[in-house]
Each structure stands twice: as C-alpha cells, then as structure tokens.
Amino acid sequence: MNIAEVILEKYSTDHAVAIATYAASSKSRFKELMDCFASDDARLSQRASWCVNWAAKKYPQMLEPYIDLLVARLQMPNANDSVQRNALKILNDITIPEKHHGSLMNTCFTFIEEPKTATAVKAFSLHMLRKLSKFYPEILPELQLIIEDRIDNETPAFKSAAKQILKLKVK
C-alpha cells in the first residue's frame, strides 16, 4: 500500500484510523506516514496529520523518533492549522524531551498572542503551556496576564482552557 495515495483517496474517521493502524504495524510504514505528515503538499500533510493523531492515541511509542519533526512543523511559517492542531494534540499527550521545552513555550506564546491563530491551535497551545508550567512555574504570571488581557475577545474553547490556567497558583 502506498500510504500517500491512500490518504488522498478519501477523508473519513474510519479511513484515518485504518491508515494509522496500518502505518503503526511497522517502523518503515510509520516512517512513510510521517513523511506524508512532513510533506510540502498541504492536502497530504493535513490528512496525514489526522492519521498521525489517531496513531498517537493507540501507539504513542511510535512517535518518539519524530518529536523533533512535530515541533519543527509547529514552527513552520504558514503551516496548515490542522497540522498545527494535531501536532499540539499529540505533543500534549506524550512526554516531551527537555530540549524542546523552550521552543515549544515560545511557539505556544506566539500562537495565543496572535489574533489570527485558529481557535483550536490557541486552545491546545494553552494546554501545552499549562503542561510546561509544571516544569517552569515562572511562566505562569506572564501567561495569566496574557490570558486576562485576551479572554474577553476569545472563543469559548480559549476561555475554557484559560480558566484552568487562571486557577493555578503562582508560586
């Protein structure tokens, strides 16, 4: 099976789950899926990101060699919203090596401060920053200030994630 061709055939949850399961059956197949995720073809990358997200739920150990790629995709200028959203969802559910903490914090702060960032990307960025605040509690005051400044103009998804952060005690 050529994963790229199959990804582009149709777009449904069952299809994405089937591709994720197939890809996770071997390292070489999973690499093929991750190559699709890293593709410059926006449609292929977008659909592959959904498959990778499904694979991460069932086979998180398969993502370990690709954490660098997930972080890099977040930082690409003009990256597709769904690619960013799925990359953040995946990274929120796995252990992130310390070497990526700083760049992830910077990226997530940029996402939540940028008015044009997609709602789901902002919400998952808030979740990521909450996760990282356990290691770096010194980011909480700045994060809470940004939230307080933006919350009235944001969506319910942002507000829901933000309220969890506002409840955290600054040490």
Protein backbone atom coordinates (compact mmCIF):
# COMPACT_ATOMS: atom_id res chain seq x y z
CA MET A 1 0.00 0.00 0.00
CA ASN A 2 1.22 3.48 -0.87
CA ILE A 3 0.18 5.47 2.20
CA ALA A 4 0.24 8.84 0.43
CA GLU A 5 -2.13 7.62 -2.29
CA VAL A 6 -4.49 6.04 0.23
CA ILE A 7 -4.53 9.16 2.41
CA LEU A 8 -5.62 11.25 -0.56
CA GLU A 9 -8.34 8.80 -1.67
CA LYS A 10 -10.96 9.83 0.86
CA TYR A 11 -11.36 11.70 4.12
CA SER A 12 -13.19 9.99 6.98
CA THR A 13 -12.53 8.92 10.54
CA ASP A 14 -12.66 5.22 9.66
CA HIS A 15 -10.22 5.79 6.82
CA ALA A 16 -7.81 7.77 9.05
CA VAL A 17 -7.93 5.12 11.78
CA ALA A 18 -7.31 2.33 9.26
CA ILE A 19 -4.29 4.17 7.85
CA ALA A 20 -2.96 4.86 11.34
CA THR A 21 -3.30 1.20 12.31
CA TYR A 22 -1.63 0.03 9.11
CA ALA A 23 1.21 2.53 9.48
CA ALA A 24 1.82 1.61 13.11
CA SER A 25 2.30 -2.04 12.18
CA SER A 26 5.96 -1.41 11.28
CA LYS A 27 8.62 1.26 11.65
CA SER A 28 9.05 1.59 7.90
CA ARG A 29 5.31 2.11 7.35
CA PHE A 30 5.19 4.63 10.16
CA LYS A 31 8.11 6.49 8.60
CA GLU A 32 6.13 6.60 5.35
CA LEU A 33 3.19 8.14 7.23
CA MET A 34 5.48 10.68 8.90
CA ASP A 35 6.98 11.54 5.51
CA CYS A 36 3.44 12.38 4.39
CA PHE A 37 3.00 14.49 7.52
CA ALA A 38 6.21 16.36 6.65
CA SER A 39 5.20 16.83 3.01
CA ASP A 40 5.07 20.23 1.36
CA ASP A 41 1.77 19.15 -0.21
CA ALA A 42 -0.70 20.92 2.10
CA ARG A 43 -3.57 18.50 1.50
CA LEU A 44 -1.40 15.43 2.06
CA SER A 45 0.21 16.89 5.17
CA GLN A 46 -3.16 17.92 6.59
CA ARG A 47 -4.72 14.50 6.13
CA ALA A 48 -1.61 12.71 7.31
CA SER A 49 -1.61 14.81 10.49
CA TRP A 50 -5.05 13.44 11.32
CA CYS A 51 -3.81 9.87 10.78
CA VAL A 52 -0.74 10.54 12.92
CA ASN A 53 -3.02 11.87 15.65
CA TRP A 54 -5.01 8.63 15.59
CA ALA A 55 -1.81 6.58 15.62
CA ALA A 56 -0.50 8.55 18.59
CA LYS A 57 -3.59 7.65 20.62
CA LYS A 58 -3.12 3.92 20.13
CA TYR A 59 0.65 3.65 19.58
CA PRO A 60 2.34 6.62 21.30
CA GLN A 61 5.69 4.82 21.36
CA MET A 62 5.85 5.13 17.55
CA LEU A 63 6.11 8.93 17.86
CA GLU A 64 9.29 9.02 19.93
CA PRO A 65 11.67 9.26 16.94
CA TYR A 66 9.51 12.01 15.40
CA ILE A 67 9.18 14.52 18.23
CA ASP A 68 11.72 16.80 16.53
CA LEU A 69 9.57 16.75 13.38
CA LEU A 70 6.36 17.51 15.32
CA VAL A 71 7.98 20.51 16.99
CA ALA A 72 9.50 21.70 13.72
CA ARG A 73 6.13 21.56 11.93
CA LEU A 74 4.66 23.87 14.57
CA GLN A 75 7.30 26.45 13.85
CA MET A 76 6.92 26.49 10.08
CA PRO A 77 5.63 29.81 8.77
CA ASN A 78 2.18 29.48 7.20
CA ALA A 79 1.77 25.91 8.45
CA ASN A 80 -1.70 24.47 7.99
CA ASP A 81 -3.97 24.95 11.03
CA SER A 82 -4.91 21.28 11.16
CA VAL A 83 -1.26 20.23 11.09
CA GLN A 84 -0.54 22.60 13.99
CA ARG A 85 -3.63 21.47 15.89
CA ASN A 86 -2.82 17.78 15.50
CA ALA A 87 0.85 18.27 16.33
CA LEU A 88 -0.11 20.10 19.54
CA LYS A 89 -2.69 17.43 20.45
CA ILE A 90 -0.05 14.73 20.04
CA LEU A 91 2.62 16.63 21.96
CA ASN A 92 0.19 17.29 24.80
CA ASP A 93 -0.28 13.55 25.26
CA ILE A 94 3.34 12.41 25.20
CA THR A 95 6.50 13.09 27.19
CA ILE A 96 8.42 15.89 25.55
CA PRO A 97 12.21 15.93 25.84
CA GLU A 98 13.50 18.93 27.77
CA LYS A 99 15.45 20.16 24.74
CA HIS A 100 12.11 21.15 23.15
CA HIS A 101 10.54 22.89 26.13
CA GLY A 102 11.88 26.37 25.35
CA SER A 103 10.95 26.39 21.69
CA LEU A 104 7.50 24.94 22.45
CA MET A 105 6.86 27.63 25.04
CA ASN A 106 7.89 30.36 22.60
CA THR A 107 5.75 28.90 19.83
CA CYS A 108 2.70 28.49 22.06
CA PHE A 109 3.01 32.01 23.47
CA THR A 110 3.18 33.31 19.89
CA PHE A 111 0.07 31.33 18.95
CA ILE A 112 -2.03 32.63 21.84
CA GLU A 113 -0.94 36.23 21.30
CA GLU A 114 -1.65 36.23 17.55
CA PRO A 115 -5.30 37.17 16.86
CA LYS A 116 -5.33 35.26 13.55
CA THR A 117 -4.30 31.92 15.09
CA ALA A 118 -7.01 29.27 14.73
CA THR A 119 -9.15 28.73 17.83
CA ALA A 120 -8.17 25.09 18.35
CA VAL A 121 -4.47 25.90 17.95
CA LYS A 122 -4.80 28.56 20.65
CA ALA A 123 -6.65 26.19 22.97
CA PHE A 124 -4.09 23.40 22.54
CA SER A 125 -1.31 25.95 23.00
CA LEU A 126 -2.83 26.89 26.34
CA HIS A 127 -2.95 23.21 27.32
CA MET A 128 0.71 22.85 26.32
CA LEU A 129 1.73 25.90 28.34
CA ARG A 130 -0.19 24.56 31.34
CA LYS A 131 1.67 21.26 30.97
CA LEU A 132 5.03 23.03 30.72
CA SER A 133 4.24 25.32 33.66
CA LYS A 134 4.66 22.28 35.90
CA PHE A 135 8.36 22.35 34.98
CA TYR A 136 8.62 26.12 34.62
CA PRO A 137 6.23 27.77 37.11
CA GLU A 138 7.85 31.12 36.36
CA ILE A 139 5.88 31.30 33.08
CA LEU A 140 2.54 31.39 34.92
CA PRO A 141 2.45 35.12 35.77
CA GLU A 142 3.11 36.13 32.16
CA LEU A 143 0.69 33.52 30.84
CA GLN A 144 -2.03 34.63 33.22
CA LEU A 145 -1.52 38.28 32.26
CA ILE A 146 -1.86 37.44 28.57
CA ILE A 147 -4.98 35.41 29.25
CA GLU A 148 -6.57 38.16 31.32
CA ASP A 149 -5.80 40.66 28.57
CA ARG A 150 -7.26 38.49 25.78
CA ILE A 151 -10.04 36.44 27.39
CA ASP A 152 -12.91 38.85 26.69
CA ASN A 153 -12.22 38.72 22.94
CA GLU A 154 -11.68 35.00 22.64
CA THR A 155 -13.79 31.95 21.84
CA PRO A 156 -15.36 29.53 24.32
CA ALA A 157 -12.59 26.98 23.62
CA PHE A 158 -9.93 29.51 24.57
CA LYS A 159 -11.89 30.60 27.64
CA SER A 160 -12.32 27.02 28.84
CA ALA A 161 -8.59 26.27 28.62
CA ALA A 162 -7.72 29.70 30.03
CA LYS A 163 -9.90 29.28 33.12
CA GLN A 164 -7.95 26.16 34.06
CA ILE A 165 -4.73 28.17 33.93
CA LEU A 166 -6.14 31.13 35.82
CA LYS A 167 -6.99 28.77 38.71
CA LEU A 168 -3.34 27.77 39.08
CA LYS A 169 -1.48 29.38 41.95
CA VAL A 170 1.58 31.42 41.11
CA LYS A 171 4.43 30.39 43.39
